[in-house]
Every structure is written in C-alpha cells, then in structure tokens.
C-alpha cells in the first residue's frame, strides 16, 4: 500500500510578516528562522488557535500551537 504524497509550498510567516526579523531589536524570527516563509502542507490551512495571526492573548504572545508561523502542518527542518 502506497502512502499518499504530501505537497508543500512556501507561505509567509505570520510572526514576522515575511520580514525574517522579529521584535524591536530586529532579532531573527524564531518561527521561520529568519527566512520569512515556511513550507506548509497544501492545501494550506491557517492555525485554528491564533486564526493565522501567529500571536495570541492580550500581550500578543507567540501562538503555542503553530509556534508563531500562523499555519498548520509545517515541514520542520
């Protein structure tokens, strides 16, 4: 029995909004490792916890479900 193939495509990182830098100090984005995008299983789906924003809560903390990426089913390197 063959396993179904999964196609991945780049999507913009929600935490850094595709800039690769995060926060006032301009540190490398922890969600995308400074790349500005991530490989996401297609069809892409926004994270249900943060609604694709990468942040949750009153203080805009990084989403614990997607790690700030804003997407579900990421290819982690």
N, C-alpha and C. Protein backbone atom coordinates (compact mmCIF):
# COMPACT_ATOMS: atom_id res chain seq x y z
N UNK A 1 0.84 -1.17 0.00
CA UNK A 1 0.00 0.00 0.00
C UNK A 1 0.89 1.24 0.00
N UNK A 2 0.68 2.12 -0.92
CA UNK A 2 1.48 3.34 -1.04
C UNK A 2 0.91 4.44 -0.16
N UNK A 3 1.80 5.18 0.43
CA UNK A 3 1.38 6.32 1.23
C UNK A 3 1.06 7.50 0.32
N UNK A 4 0.07 8.31 0.67
CA UNK A 4 -0.23 9.47 -0.16
C UNK A 4 0.92 10.47 -0.10
N UNK A 5 1.19 11.10 -1.22
CA UNK A 5 2.25 12.11 -1.22
C UNK A 5 1.69 13.43 -0.70
N UNK A 6 2.54 14.15 -0.01
CA UNK A 6 2.14 15.45 0.54
C UNK A 6 2.96 16.51 -0.18
N UNK A 7 2.29 17.48 -0.73
CA UNK A 7 2.96 18.58 -1.39
C UNK A 7 3.07 19.76 -0.43
N UNK A 8 4.24 20.37 -0.42
CA UNK A 8 4.49 21.54 0.42
C UNK A 8 4.78 22.74 -0.46
N UNK A 9 4.37 23.89 -0.01
CA UNK A 9 4.64 25.14 -0.73
C UNK A 9 4.99 26.22 0.29
N UNK A 10 5.80 27.20 -0.09
CA UNK A 10 6.14 28.27 0.84
C UNK A 10 4.94 29.18 1.12
N UNK A 11 4.80 29.54 2.38
CA UNK A 11 3.77 30.50 2.82
C UNK A 11 4.46 31.53 3.70
N UNK A 12 3.95 32.73 3.71
CA UNK A 12 4.53 33.82 4.50
C UNK A 12 4.38 33.55 6.00
N UNK A 13 5.45 33.78 6.73
CA UNK A 13 5.44 33.62 8.18
C UNK A 13 4.57 34.72 8.79
N UNK A 14 3.65 34.33 9.68
CA UNK A 14 2.75 35.29 10.31
C UNK A 14 3.45 36.11 11.38
N UNK A 15 4.38 35.52 12.10
CA UNK A 15 5.01 36.21 13.23
C UNK A 15 5.83 37.42 12.76
N UNK A 16 6.61 37.26 11.71
CA UNK A 16 7.45 38.37 11.23
C UNK A 16 6.87 39.03 9.99
N UNK A 17 5.71 38.55 9.53
CA UNK A 17 5.04 39.07 8.34
C UNK A 17 5.95 39.02 7.11
N UNK A 18 6.77 37.97 7.04
CA UNK A 18 7.62 37.76 5.88
C UNK A 18 8.93 38.53 5.87
N UNK A 19 9.22 39.24 6.95
CA UNK A 19 10.44 40.06 7.00
C UNK A 19 11.67 39.28 7.46
N UNK A 20 11.45 38.19 8.19
CA UNK A 20 12.56 37.40 8.71
C UNK A 20 13.12 37.94 10.02
N UNK A 21 12.68 39.11 10.42
CA UNK A 21 13.13 39.75 11.67
C UNK A 21 11.93 39.95 12.57
N UNK A 22 12.19 39.92 13.89
CA UNK A 22 11.10 39.94 14.85
C UNK A 22 11.42 40.87 16.00
N UNK A 23 10.44 41.63 16.43
CA UNK A 23 10.57 42.47 17.62
C UNK A 23 11.31 43.76 17.38
N UNK A 24 11.37 44.57 18.43
CA UNK A 24 12.01 45.88 18.35
C UNK A 24 13.51 45.79 18.09
N UNK A 25 14.14 44.72 18.57
CA UNK A 25 15.58 44.56 18.40
C UNK A 25 15.94 44.00 17.03
N UNK A 26 14.94 43.59 16.24
CA UNK A 26 15.20 43.05 14.92
C UNK A 26 15.93 41.72 14.94
N UNK A 27 15.61 40.88 15.92
CA UNK A 27 16.22 39.57 16.03
C UNK A 27 15.68 38.62 14.97
N UNK A 28 16.43 37.59 14.65
CA UNK A 28 15.98 36.60 13.68
C UNK A 28 14.68 35.97 14.17
N UNK A 29 13.70 35.89 13.31
CA UNK A 29 12.39 35.36 13.67
C UNK A 29 12.51 33.90 14.12
N UNK A 30 11.97 33.58 15.32
CA UNK A 30 12.06 32.21 15.81
C UNK A 30 11.10 31.25 15.11
N UNK A 31 10.08 31.75 14.47
CA UNK A 31 9.11 30.87 13.81
C UNK A 31 9.63 30.36 12.46
N UNK A 32 10.25 31.24 11.68
CA UNK A 32 10.72 30.86 10.34
C UNK A 32 12.24 30.80 10.24
N UNK A 33 12.92 31.03 11.35
CA UNK A 33 14.38 31.02 11.41
C UNK A 33 14.99 32.09 10.50
N UNK A 34 14.29 33.22 10.36
CA UNK A 34 14.81 34.34 9.60
C UNK A 34 14.58 34.27 8.10
N UNK A 35 13.85 33.26 7.62
CA UNK A 35 13.63 33.10 6.19
C UNK A 35 12.46 33.93 5.66
N UNK A 36 11.49 34.23 6.52
CA UNK A 36 10.32 34.99 6.09
C UNK A 36 9.19 34.13 5.57
N UNK A 37 9.47 32.85 5.30
CA UNK A 37 8.43 31.93 4.85
C UNK A 37 8.72 30.53 5.39
N UNK A 38 7.72 29.68 5.32
CA UNK A 38 7.82 28.31 5.80
C UNK A 38 7.19 27.39 4.78
N UNK A 39 7.61 26.13 4.77
CA UNK A 39 6.97 25.15 3.91
C UNK A 39 5.76 24.59 4.63
N UNK A 40 4.60 24.70 3.97
CA UNK A 40 3.33 24.31 4.56
C UNK A 40 2.66 23.29 3.65
N UNK A 41 2.11 22.22 4.27
CA UNK A 41 1.39 21.20 3.50
C UNK A 41 0.22 21.86 2.78
N UNK A 42 0.03 21.45 1.54
CA UNK A 42 -1.04 22.01 0.71
C UNK A 42 -2.21 21.04 0.65
N UNK A 43 -3.43 21.52 0.63
CA UNK A 43 -3.78 22.94 0.68
C UNK A 43 -3.49 23.52 2.06
N UNK A 44 -2.98 24.74 2.07
CA UNK A 44 -2.58 25.38 3.32
C UNK A 44 -3.81 25.72 4.17
N UNK A 45 -3.61 25.63 5.49
CA UNK A 45 -4.68 25.95 6.43
C UNK A 45 -4.12 26.82 7.54
N UNK A 46 -4.76 27.96 7.81
CA UNK A 46 -4.31 28.79 8.93
C UNK A 46 -4.52 28.06 10.25
N UNK A 47 -3.68 28.38 11.21
CA UNK A 47 -3.78 27.80 12.54
C UNK A 47 -5.14 28.19 13.14
N UNK A 48 -5.84 27.22 13.67
CA UNK A 48 -7.15 27.48 14.27
C UNK A 48 -7.08 28.18 15.61
N UNK A 49 -5.96 28.04 16.31
CA UNK A 49 -5.83 28.63 17.64
C UNK A 49 -5.65 30.15 17.54
N UNK A 50 -4.75 30.59 16.67
CA UNK A 50 -4.47 32.03 16.54
C UNK A 50 -5.12 32.64 15.31
N UNK A 51 -5.89 31.83 14.58
CA UNK A 51 -6.56 32.26 13.35
C UNK A 51 -5.58 32.78 12.31
N UNK A 52 -4.38 32.19 12.28
CA UNK A 52 -3.38 32.54 11.28
C UNK A 52 -2.57 33.79 11.57
N UNK A 53 -2.75 34.35 12.78
CA UNK A 53 -2.03 35.59 13.13
C UNK A 53 -0.66 35.33 13.74
N UNK A 54 -0.43 34.13 14.27
CA UNK A 54 0.84 33.80 14.89
C UNK A 54 0.96 34.26 16.33
N UNK A 55 -0.01 35.03 16.81
CA UNK A 55 0.01 35.58 18.16
C UNK A 55 -1.32 35.36 18.84
N UNK A 56 -1.27 35.19 20.15
CA UNK A 56 -2.49 35.01 20.94
C UNK A 56 -2.40 35.82 22.23
N UNK A 57 -3.54 36.02 22.82
CA UNK A 57 -3.59 36.66 24.14
C UNK A 57 -3.49 38.16 24.11
N UNK A 58 -3.67 38.69 25.27
CA UNK A 58 -3.70 40.13 25.48
C UNK A 58 -2.38 40.82 25.13
N UNK A 59 -1.27 40.11 25.33
CA UNK A 59 0.05 40.71 25.10
C UNK A 59 0.67 40.30 23.77
N UNK A 60 -0.07 39.56 22.96
CA UNK A 60 0.44 39.15 21.66
C UNK A 60 1.55 38.12 21.74
N UNK A 61 1.41 37.18 22.68
CA UNK A 61 2.41 36.12 22.82
C UNK A 61 2.40 35.21 21.60
N UNK A 62 3.54 34.60 21.31
CA UNK A 62 3.65 33.69 20.19
C UNK A 62 2.72 32.50 20.42
N UNK A 63 1.97 32.13 19.40
CA UNK A 63 1.00 31.05 19.49
C UNK A 63 1.69 29.73 19.85
N UNK A 64 1.23 29.04 20.90
CA UNK A 64 1.85 27.78 21.29
C UNK A 64 1.52 26.63 20.35
N UNK A 65 0.47 26.76 19.57
CA UNK A 65 0.06 25.69 18.68
C UNK A 65 0.90 25.66 17.40
N UNK A 66 1.06 26.79 16.75
CA UNK A 66 1.81 26.84 15.49
C UNK A 66 3.21 27.42 15.66
N UNK A 67 3.55 27.84 16.88
CA UNK A 67 4.88 28.41 17.13
C UNK A 67 5.06 29.79 16.54
N UNK A 68 3.97 30.42 16.16
CA UNK A 68 4.02 31.76 15.59
C UNK A 68 3.98 31.77 14.07
N UNK A 69 4.03 30.61 13.45
CA UNK A 69 4.05 30.54 11.98
C UNK A 69 2.71 30.96 11.37
N UNK A 70 1.62 30.68 12.08
CA UNK A 70 0.30 31.03 11.57
C UNK A 70 -0.33 29.92 10.72
N UNK A 71 0.38 28.82 10.51
CA UNK A 71 -0.10 27.73 9.66
C UNK A 71 -0.04 26.40 10.39
N UNK A 72 -0.86 25.45 9.95
CA UNK A 72 -0.80 24.08 10.47
C UNK A 72 -0.10 23.21 9.43
N UNK A 73 0.42 22.09 9.87
CA UNK A 73 1.11 21.10 9.04
C UNK A 73 2.33 21.69 8.33
N UNK A 74 3.30 22.11 9.15
CA UNK A 74 4.54 22.67 8.64
C UNK A 74 5.58 21.59 8.45
N UNK A 75 6.50 21.83 7.54
CA UNK A 75 7.66 20.95 7.40
C UNK A 75 8.74 21.56 8.27
N UNK A 76 9.10 20.88 9.34
CA UNK A 76 10.12 21.37 10.26
C UNK A 76 11.48 20.82 9.85
N UNK A 77 12.48 21.71 9.81
CA UNK A 77 13.80 21.31 9.35
C UNK A 77 14.73 21.04 10.41
